[in-house]
Amino acid sequence: MSEIKVDTYELRRDYPFLDKIWNLYEEFNETVDNSDEYKFYYGKACEGIKNLVENDKKWYNDICIKLLRLLGIFSSVKNTDKYNSERCKSINSWLYYIIKDYDVHQDAFTNICDVSKGILNERVKNPYCSYYLYKDKYNDPDKIIKLINLQDYMNDALSMLKKGDDKNHCLFRKFIYECANIYKEVNKKYCGSGTFNSSKKPNTCAKLKEFSTFFKLYISTKENLIGKLPSLYNEETEKIPICPTDTGVQELKLEQKQELYFSG
């Protein structure tokens, strides 16, 4: 298996306005090199973890070292600029994509995080980040992550939407429509009145309720945006706007399909 990392190419193309998140992903992807003063300690800790879980695969060591670095377990000073809630959320979503894209069993990461938590508890009273696995907390985690991203970057979004000439204006409107449809779909499936779904995860409906409140406060009530953005409260799926960049994306996907067909 090649070096484990999240490919941000399509994410940047489809959601360029979330570049703060994608920049963090790129940082998380970086290999831990000799310039990192804690590399030796990461390596020793990961040797112990590998012995506990009996996993001697190289990729396991690579991801273990990256995770220990991201969780900041050997940092003697708590850097609140670096280890903040925004960064911690991105670590957890980055980890979700790693598990999903590489089809890695969640237990591999649980063991690393549990051991790192033990090390942290010995060194600091309040750990920098609390880790969690999206697949354990939420149904349809890909979709829930999009709702969370919209909430976290709403101030940037409103600024962009008020500037009608912003190059990402249309793409962000499109993202808001996409999130509105996600809310309706997931809410109907798991949280609607009279709905019973035995596979419902514990945090799904709470997150949707939080998103609904947020949407009403920050999006639905903006006078200059009324009529330009979707509603969460009609049952029909909103028609997502088409942006000028969509044509190029569709042509690229068609070319890729044709290449696969003719190369097969």
Protein backbone atom coordinates (compact mmCIF):
# COMPACT_ATOMS: atom_id res chain seq x y z
CA MET A 1 0.00 0.00 0.00
CA SER A 2 1.37 3.43 -0.96
CA GLU A 3 1.62 6.23 1.59
CA ILE A 4 -1.80 6.80 3.13
CA LYS A 5 -3.29 10.23 2.53
CA VAL A 6 -6.53 11.95 1.53
CA ASP A 7 -6.61 13.03 -2.11
CA THR A 8 -7.88 16.61 -2.10
CA TYR A 9 -8.00 17.17 -5.87
CA GLU A 10 -11.74 16.57 -6.36
CA LEU A 11 -12.62 18.18 -3.02
CA ARG A 12 -10.83 21.37 -4.05
CA ARG A 13 -12.43 21.29 -7.48
CA ASP A 14 -16.00 20.82 -6.23
CA TYR A 15 -15.76 22.89 -3.02
CA PRO A 16 -12.95 25.44 -3.52
CA PHE A 17 -14.46 27.78 -0.91
CA LEU A 18 -13.62 25.21 1.81
CA ASP A 19 -9.92 25.59 1.12
CA LYS A 20 -9.13 26.03 4.83
CA ILE A 21 -10.21 22.42 5.38
CA TRP A 22 -8.38 21.07 2.34
CA ASN A 23 -5.22 22.92 3.39
CA LEU A 24 -5.41 21.18 6.75
CA TYR A 25 -5.87 17.82 5.02
CA GLU A 26 -2.71 18.50 3.00
CA GLU A 27 -0.87 19.28 6.23
CA PHE A 28 -2.17 16.07 7.82
CA ASN A 29 -1.03 14.11 4.75
CA GLU A 30 2.59 15.21 5.16
CA THR A 31 5.16 12.58 6.07
CA VAL A 32 6.75 12.99 9.50
CA ASP A 33 10.40 13.70 8.69
CA ASN A 34 13.58 14.24 10.68
CA SER A 35 12.82 17.93 11.16
CA ASP A 36 10.10 16.95 13.64
CA GLU A 37 11.69 16.99 17.10
CA TYR A 38 9.30 14.30 18.34
CA LYS A 39 9.78 11.79 15.51
CA PHE A 40 11.83 9.42 17.70
CA TYR A 41 9.11 9.39 20.37
CA TYR A 42 6.37 8.79 17.80
CA GLY A 43 8.34 5.83 16.49
CA LYS A 44 8.90 4.28 19.93
CA ALA A 45 5.23 4.70 20.88
CA CYS A 46 4.08 3.15 17.60
CA GLU A 47 6.41 0.18 18.08
CA GLY A 48 4.65 -0.50 21.37
CA ILE A 49 1.22 -0.09 19.79
CA LYS A 50 2.11 -2.46 16.93
CA ASN A 51 3.20 -5.09 19.45
CA LEU A 52 -0.10 -4.77 21.29
CA VAL A 53 -2.22 -5.18 18.17
CA GLU A 54 0.16 -7.55 16.37
CA ASN A 55 0.16 -5.49 13.20
CA ASP A 56 3.55 -5.21 11.49
CA LYS A 57 2.35 -3.65 8.21
CA LYS A 58 4.29 -0.58 7.10
CA TRP A 59 1.14 1.46 6.42
CA TYR A 60 0.06 0.91 10.04
CA ASN A 61 3.29 2.42 11.32
CA ASP A 62 2.97 5.37 8.90
CA ILE A 63 -0.57 6.22 9.93
CA CYS A 64 0.25 5.67 13.61
CA ILE A 65 3.10 8.21 13.48
CA LYS A 66 0.92 10.72 11.60
CA LEU A 67 -1.92 10.38 14.09
CA LEU A 68 0.33 10.81 17.12
CA ARG A 69 1.73 13.97 15.55
CA LEU A 70 -1.76 15.32 14.79
CA LEU A 71 -2.98 14.63 18.32
CA GLY A 72 0.03 16.53 19.71
CA ILE A 73 0.71 13.97 22.40
CA PHE A 74 4.34 14.92 23.03
CA SER A 75 4.00 18.69 22.82
CA SER A 76 4.95 20.19 26.18
CA VAL A 77 3.15 23.49 25.53
CA LYS A 78 -0.50 23.61 24.53
CA ASN A 79 -0.63 25.67 21.34
CA THR A 80 -4.23 26.93 21.27
CA ASP A 81 -3.71 28.52 17.86
CA LYS A 82 -2.82 25.14 16.41
CA TYR A 83 -4.88 22.76 18.51
CA ASN A 84 -8.33 24.33 18.25
CA SER A 85 -11.82 22.93 17.67
CA GLU A 86 -11.72 23.66 13.94
CA ARG A 87 -8.51 21.69 13.53
CA CYS A 88 -9.77 18.82 15.69
CA LYS A 89 -12.95 18.47 13.61
CA SER A 90 -10.82 18.34 10.48
CA ILE A 91 -8.61 15.63 11.98
CA ASN A 92 -11.67 13.48 12.59
CA SER A 93 -13.11 14.03 9.11
CA TRP A 94 -9.66 13.40 7.56
CA LEU A 95 -9.52 10.14 9.51
CA TYR A 96 -12.98 9.20 8.23
CA TYR A 97 -11.86 9.61 4.61
CA ILE A 98 -8.69 7.58 5.28
CA ILE A 99 -10.78 4.70 6.64
CA LYS A 100 -13.25 4.96 3.78
CA ASP A 101 -10.82 5.41 0.88
CA TYR A 102 -8.40 2.69 1.97
CA ASP A 103 -11.00 0.28 3.37
CA VAL A 104 -9.06 0.07 6.63
CA HIS A 105 -10.79 -1.51 9.62
CA GLN A 106 -11.71 1.05 12.27
CA ASP A 107 -10.11 -1.02 15.04
CA ALA A 108 -6.69 -0.20 13.61
CA PHE A 109 -7.24 3.47 14.44
CA THR A 110 -9.09 2.88 17.69
CA ASN A 111 -6.04 1.13 19.13
CA ILE A 112 -3.74 4.00 18.14
CA CYS A 113 -6.09 6.64 19.57
CA ASP A 114 -6.70 4.72 22.81
CA VAL A 115 -2.97 4.40 23.49
CA SER A 116 -2.38 8.06 22.60
CA LYS A 117 -5.16 9.04 24.99
CA GLY A 118 -3.34 7.17 27.78
CA ILE A 119 -0.11 9.02 27.01
CA LEU A 120 -1.95 12.34 26.92
CA ASN A 121 -3.69 11.73 30.23
CA GLU A 122 -0.30 11.28 31.88
CA ARG A 123 1.02 14.55 30.42
CA VAL A 124 -1.90 16.99 30.28
CA LYS A 125 -5.22 17.30 32.08
CA ASN A 126 -7.21 18.31 29.01
CA PRO A 127 -6.25 16.56 25.74
CA TYR A 128 -5.88 18.80 22.69
CA CYS A 129 -8.39 16.86 20.60
CA SER A 130 -11.00 14.24 21.33
CA TYR A 131 -11.13 11.71 18.55
CA TYR A 132 -14.27 9.99 17.33
CA LEU A 133 -15.22 7.84 14.38
CA TYR A 134 -17.91 9.32 12.16
CA LYS A 135 -19.23 5.90 11.19
CA ASP A 136 -19.97 5.18 14.86
CA LYS A 137 -21.68 8.51 15.52
CA TYR A 138 -23.68 9.22 12.36
CA ASN A 139 -25.64 7.58 9.59
CA ASP A 140 -24.51 8.69 6.13
CA PRO A 141 -21.34 10.31 7.52
CA ASP A 142 -20.28 11.71 4.12
CA LYS A 143 -23.45 13.78 4.10
CA ILE A 144 -23.25 14.80 7.75
CA ILE A 145 -19.69 16.05 7.22
CA LYS A 146 -20.99 18.40 4.52
CA LEU A 147 -23.58 19.85 6.92
CA ILE A 148 -20.88 20.35 9.55
CA ASN A 149 -18.62 22.07 7.03
CA LEU A 150 -21.38 24.49 6.05
CA GLN A 151 -22.01 25.38 9.69
CA ASP A 152 -18.33 25.90 10.44
CA TYR A 153 -17.72 28.18 7.47
CA MET A 154 -20.98 30.11 7.46
CA ASN A 155 -19.36 33.49 8.11
CA ASP A 156 -17.16 33.02 5.05
CA ALA A 157 -20.23 31.89 3.13
CA LEU A 158 -22.35 34.93 3.97
CA SER A 159 -19.53 37.25 3.00
CA MET A 160 -19.21 35.42 -0.31
CA LEU A 161 -22.94 35.42 -1.01
CA LYS A 162 -23.24 39.15 -0.35
CA LYS A 163 -20.52 39.76 -2.93
CA GLY A 164 -22.36 38.63 -6.01
CA ASP A 165 -19.19 38.87 -8.08
CA ASP A 166 -17.15 36.39 -6.02
CA LYS A 167 -15.77 33.64 -8.28
CA ASN A 168 -17.10 30.96 -5.90
CA HIS A 169 -20.52 32.59 -5.40
CA CYS A 170 -22.44 30.12 -7.59
CA LEU A 171 -20.60 27.07 -6.26
CA PHE A 172 -21.39 28.06 -2.69
CA ARG A 173 -25.07 28.59 -3.46
CA LYS A 174 -25.00 25.16 -5.05
CA PHE A 175 -23.44 23.74 -1.87
CA ILE A 176 -26.19 25.26 0.28
CA TYR A 177 -28.83 23.66 -1.96
CA GLU A 178 -27.00 20.35 -1.71
CA CYS A 179 -26.95 20.59 2.09
CA ALA A 180 -30.67 21.45 2.22
CA ASN A 181 -31.43 18.32 0.20
CA ILE A 182 -29.14 16.24 2.41
CA TYR A 183 -31.00 17.47 5.49
CA LYS A 184 -34.40 16.56 4.01
CA GLU A 185 -33.26 13.15 2.82
CA VAL A 186 -31.50 12.05 6.03
CA ASN A 187 -34.15 13.58 8.30
CA LYS A 188 -36.94 11.77 6.46
CA LYS A 189 -35.04 8.49 6.52
CA TYR A 190 -34.06 8.46 10.20
CA CYS A 191 -35.78 11.22 12.16
CA GLY A 192 -39.21 12.02 10.69
CA SER A 193 -42.37 11.65 12.76
CA GLY A 194 -43.47 8.04 12.84
CA THR A 195 -40.10 6.94 11.47
CA PHE A 196 -38.47 3.87 12.95
CA ASN A 197 -35.09 2.81 11.66
CA SER A 198 -33.22 0.17 13.65
CA SER A 199 -29.92 1.24 12.09
CA LYS A 200 -30.18 4.83 13.37
CA LYS A 201 -26.94 6.04 15.00
CA PRO A 202 -27.17 7.96 18.30
CA ASN A 203 -26.07 11.40 17.10
CA THR A 204 -27.73 11.61 13.68
CA CYS A 205 -31.00 13.28 14.64
CA ALA A 206 -29.37 15.60 17.18
CA LYS A 207 -26.97 16.85 14.50
CA LEU A 208 -29.85 17.39 12.04
CA LYS A 209 -31.80 19.34 14.65
CA GLU A 210 -28.74 21.49 15.31
CA PHE A 211 -28.33 22.08 11.57
CA SER A 212 -32.00 23.06 11.22
CA THR A 213 -31.66 25.66 13.99
CA PHE A 214 -28.47 26.99 12.47
CA PHE A 215 -30.02 27.21 8.99
CA LYS A 216 -32.99 29.16 10.29
CA LEU A 217 -30.83 31.64 12.22
CA TYR A 218 -28.08 32.25 9.69
CA ILE A 219 -29.56 31.56 6.27
CA SER A 220 -33.36 31.68 6.11
CA THR A 221 -33.66 35.04 7.87
CA LYS A 222 -31.15 37.05 5.81
CA GLU A 223 -33.32 39.60 3.99
CA ASN A 224 -30.93 40.08 1.10
CA LEU A 225 -30.85 36.30 0.50
CA ILE A 226 -34.56 35.48 0.82
CA GLY A 227 -35.78 33.79 -2.35
CA LYS A 228 -32.24 33.06 -3.49
CA LEU A 229 -31.62 30.11 -1.19
CA PRO A 230 -33.53 26.88 -0.48
CA SER A 231 -35.97 26.08 2.31
CA LEU A 232 -35.63 23.15 4.68
CA TYR A 233 -39.34 23.06 5.30
CA ASN A 234 -40.93 22.02 2.03
CA GLU A 235 -40.75 18.31 1.35
CA GLU A 236 -39.71 18.50 -2.28
CA THR A 237 -36.09 18.16 -3.27
CA GLU A 238 -34.63 21.50 -4.27
CA LYS A 239 -33.32 21.87 -7.79
CA ILE A 240 -29.60 22.49 -7.46
CA PRO A 241 -28.30 25.47 -9.50
CA ILE A 242 -26.02 24.82 -12.46
CA CYS A 243 -22.75 26.75 -12.37
CA PRO A 244 -20.53 27.67 -15.35
CA THR A 245 -17.82 25.33 -14.06
CA ASP A 246 -20.17 22.32 -14.13
CA THR A 247 -19.86 21.96 -17.91
CA GLY A 248 -16.11 21.51 -17.70
CA VAL A 249 -16.43 18.97 -14.89
CA GLN A 250 -18.98 16.91 -16.82
CA GLU A 251 -16.80 16.95 -19.93
CA LEU A 252 -13.81 15.80 -17.85
CA LYS A 253 -15.79 12.93 -16.34
CA LEU A 254 -17.01 11.89 -19.80
CA GLU A 255 -13.42 11.90 -21.10
CA GLN A 256 -12.31 9.76 -18.15
CA LYS A 257 -15.11 7.25 -18.81
CA GLN A 258 -14.18 7.07 -22.49
CA GLU A 259 -10.52 6.50 -21.63
CA LEU A 260 -11.47 3.65 -19.30
CA TYR A 261 -13.74 2.14 -21.96
CA PHE A 262 -11.16 2.21 -24.74
CA SER A 263 -8.28 1.11 -22.48
CA GLY A 264 -10.37 -1.86 -21.31
